[in-house]
C-alpha cells in the first residue's frame, strides 16, 4: 500500500505520482515547506489557469474540407469597439476554419 508521506493517507498504487505520491495541494505545499523550497512566485493556486492563455493564436486547426488538422493563416476581419475580430483560413484549400476576438482592455 502506498501512503502520502505528509498525512499518511492511503493512496491508490496507480496514482499520477508514482515516486512521490501526495494526496492533495495542501500536502504538496507542506512537502515544499519541509524541504525548505520556497513556493514559486507567479505559480500560485489562487491564479486562474486561464490567465496564462489570454493571448493565444492558433497555428493549426481542423479543416472540414481537407478533413484533418491543417496550418492556418490569420487575417484581421473587423475592428470592433470592444476588440478586433480575426479569421483563420486553411493554407491548403483556403476554407474558413475559425475566428478569434481579441478584446481590448
Protein backbone atom coordinates (compact mmCIF):
# COMPACT_ATOMS: atom_id res chain seq x y z
CA UNK A 1 0.00 0.00 0.00
CA UNK A 2 1.26 3.48 -0.89
CA UNK A 3 0.80 6.30 1.62
CA UNK A 4 1.12 10.07 1.34
CA UNK A 5 4.40 10.99 3.10
CA UNK A 6 2.79 14.05 4.71
CA UNK A 7 -0.59 12.95 6.10
CA UNK A 8 -0.10 9.14 5.77
CA UNK A 9 -3.40 8.76 3.87
CA UNK A 10 -3.60 5.52 1.87
CA UNK A 11 -3.35 6.11 -1.89
CA UNK A 12 -4.00 4.06 -4.97
CA UNK A 13 -0.89 2.36 -6.37
CA UNK A 14 -1.98 3.60 -9.82
CA UNK A 15 -1.84 7.30 -8.93
CA UNK A 16 -0.36 10.02 -11.10
CA UNK A 17 2.80 10.43 -8.95
CA UNK A 18 4.46 7.02 -8.55
CA UNK A 19 7.68 8.32 -6.96
CA UNK A 20 6.34 10.99 -4.60
CA UNK A 21 2.61 10.40 -4.16
CA UNK A 22 0.88 13.34 -2.50
CA UNK A 23 -2.84 13.28 -1.84
CA UNK A 24 -3.65 17.00 -2.14
CA UNK A 25 -2.40 20.50 -2.89
CA UNK A 26 -2.09 21.14 0.86
CA UNK A 27 0.26 18.16 1.25
CA UNK A 28 2.31 19.36 -1.75
CA UNK A 29 2.75 22.78 -0.14
CA UNK A 30 3.69 21.18 3.18
CA UNK A 31 6.27 18.96 1.43
CA UNK A 32 7.86 22.05 -0.15
CA UNK A 33 7.85 23.82 3.23
CA UNK A 34 9.51 20.85 4.97
CA UNK A 35 12.15 20.59 2.24
CA UNK A 36 12.93 24.31 2.57
CA UNK A 37 11.95 25.01 -1.05
CA UNK A 38 10.18 28.35 -1.49
CA UNK A 39 6.82 28.35 -3.27
CA UNK A 40 7.40 29.53 -6.86
CA UNK A 41 6.19 33.08 -7.48
CA UNK A 42 3.52 33.55 -10.13
CA UNK A 43 2.50 29.90 -9.95
CA UNK A 44 0.14 30.11 -7.01
CA UNK A 45 -3.08 28.15 -6.95
CA UNK A 46 -5.06 31.38 -6.44
CA UNK A 47 -4.45 32.41 -10.07
CA UNK A 48 -6.90 31.20 -12.66
CA UNK A 49 -5.45 28.63 -15.07
CA UNK A 50 -6.91 30.61 -17.99
CA UNK A 51 -4.75 33.64 -17.14
CA UNK A 52 -1.81 32.01 -18.93
CA UNK A 53 -3.80 31.75 -22.17
CA UNK A 54 -5.06 35.32 -22.66
CA UNK A 55 -3.13 35.88 -25.91
CA UNK A 56 -3.43 32.54 -27.74
CA UNK A 57 -3.02 32.30 -31.52
CA UNK A 58 -3.86 29.13 -33.46
CA UNK A 59 -1.28 27.73 -35.87
CA UNK A 60 -3.18 24.56 -36.83
CA UNK A 61 -6.95 23.97 -36.86
CA UNK A 62 -9.20 21.19 -38.15
CA UNK A 63 -10.27 21.85 -41.75
CA UNK A 64 -13.59 20.21 -42.69
CA UNK A 65 -12.68 20.32 -46.40
CA UNK A 66 -9.26 18.68 -46.02
CA UNK A 67 -10.61 16.52 -43.15
CA UNK A 68 -7.51 16.93 -40.96
CA UNK A 69 -5.59 19.47 -38.92
CA UNK A 70 -4.00 22.00 -41.25
CA UNK A 71 -1.76 25.07 -40.89
CA UNK A 72 -3.76 28.29 -40.80
CA UNK A 73 -3.40 31.89 -41.89
CA UNK A 74 -4.71 34.58 -39.54
CA UNK A 75 -6.43 37.63 -41.09
CA UNK A 76 -7.95 40.71 -39.46
CA UNK A 77 -11.65 40.76 -40.39
CA UNK A 78 -13.21 43.58 -38.35
CA UNK A 79 -12.17 46.32 -35.96
CA UNK A 80 -14.90 46.45 -33.31
CA UNK A 81 -15.37 48.93 -30.43
CA UNK A 82 -14.59 46.22 -27.85
CA UNK A 83 -11.85 44.42 -29.77
CA UNK A 84 -10.61 43.02 -33.07
CA UNK A 85 -12.11 40.03 -34.93
CA UNK A 86 -9.63 37.71 -36.63
CA UNK A 87 -10.43 34.89 -39.05
CA UNK A 88 -8.44 31.72 -39.68
CA UNK A 89 -8.29 30.06 -43.10
CA UNK A 90 -6.72 26.79 -44.21
CA UNK A 91 -3.42 27.30 -46.06
CA UNK A 92 -4.06 24.43 -48.47
CA UNK A 93 -7.67 24.92 -49.61
CA UNK A 94 -8.50 28.42 -48.31
CA UNK A 95 -11.61 27.37 -46.36
CA UNK A 96 -12.50 29.42 -43.28
CA UNK A 97 -11.82 27.25 -40.23
CA UNK A 98 -12.36 29.59 -37.26
CA UNK A 99 -12.46 33.05 -35.72
CA UNK A 100 -10.99 34.75 -32.67
CA UNK A 101 -11.91 38.02 -30.92
CA UNK A 102 -9.05 39.87 -29.26
CA UNK A 103 -10.59 42.04 -26.54
CA UNK A 104 -9.16 45.47 -25.86
CA UNK A 105 -8.59 46.08 -22.27
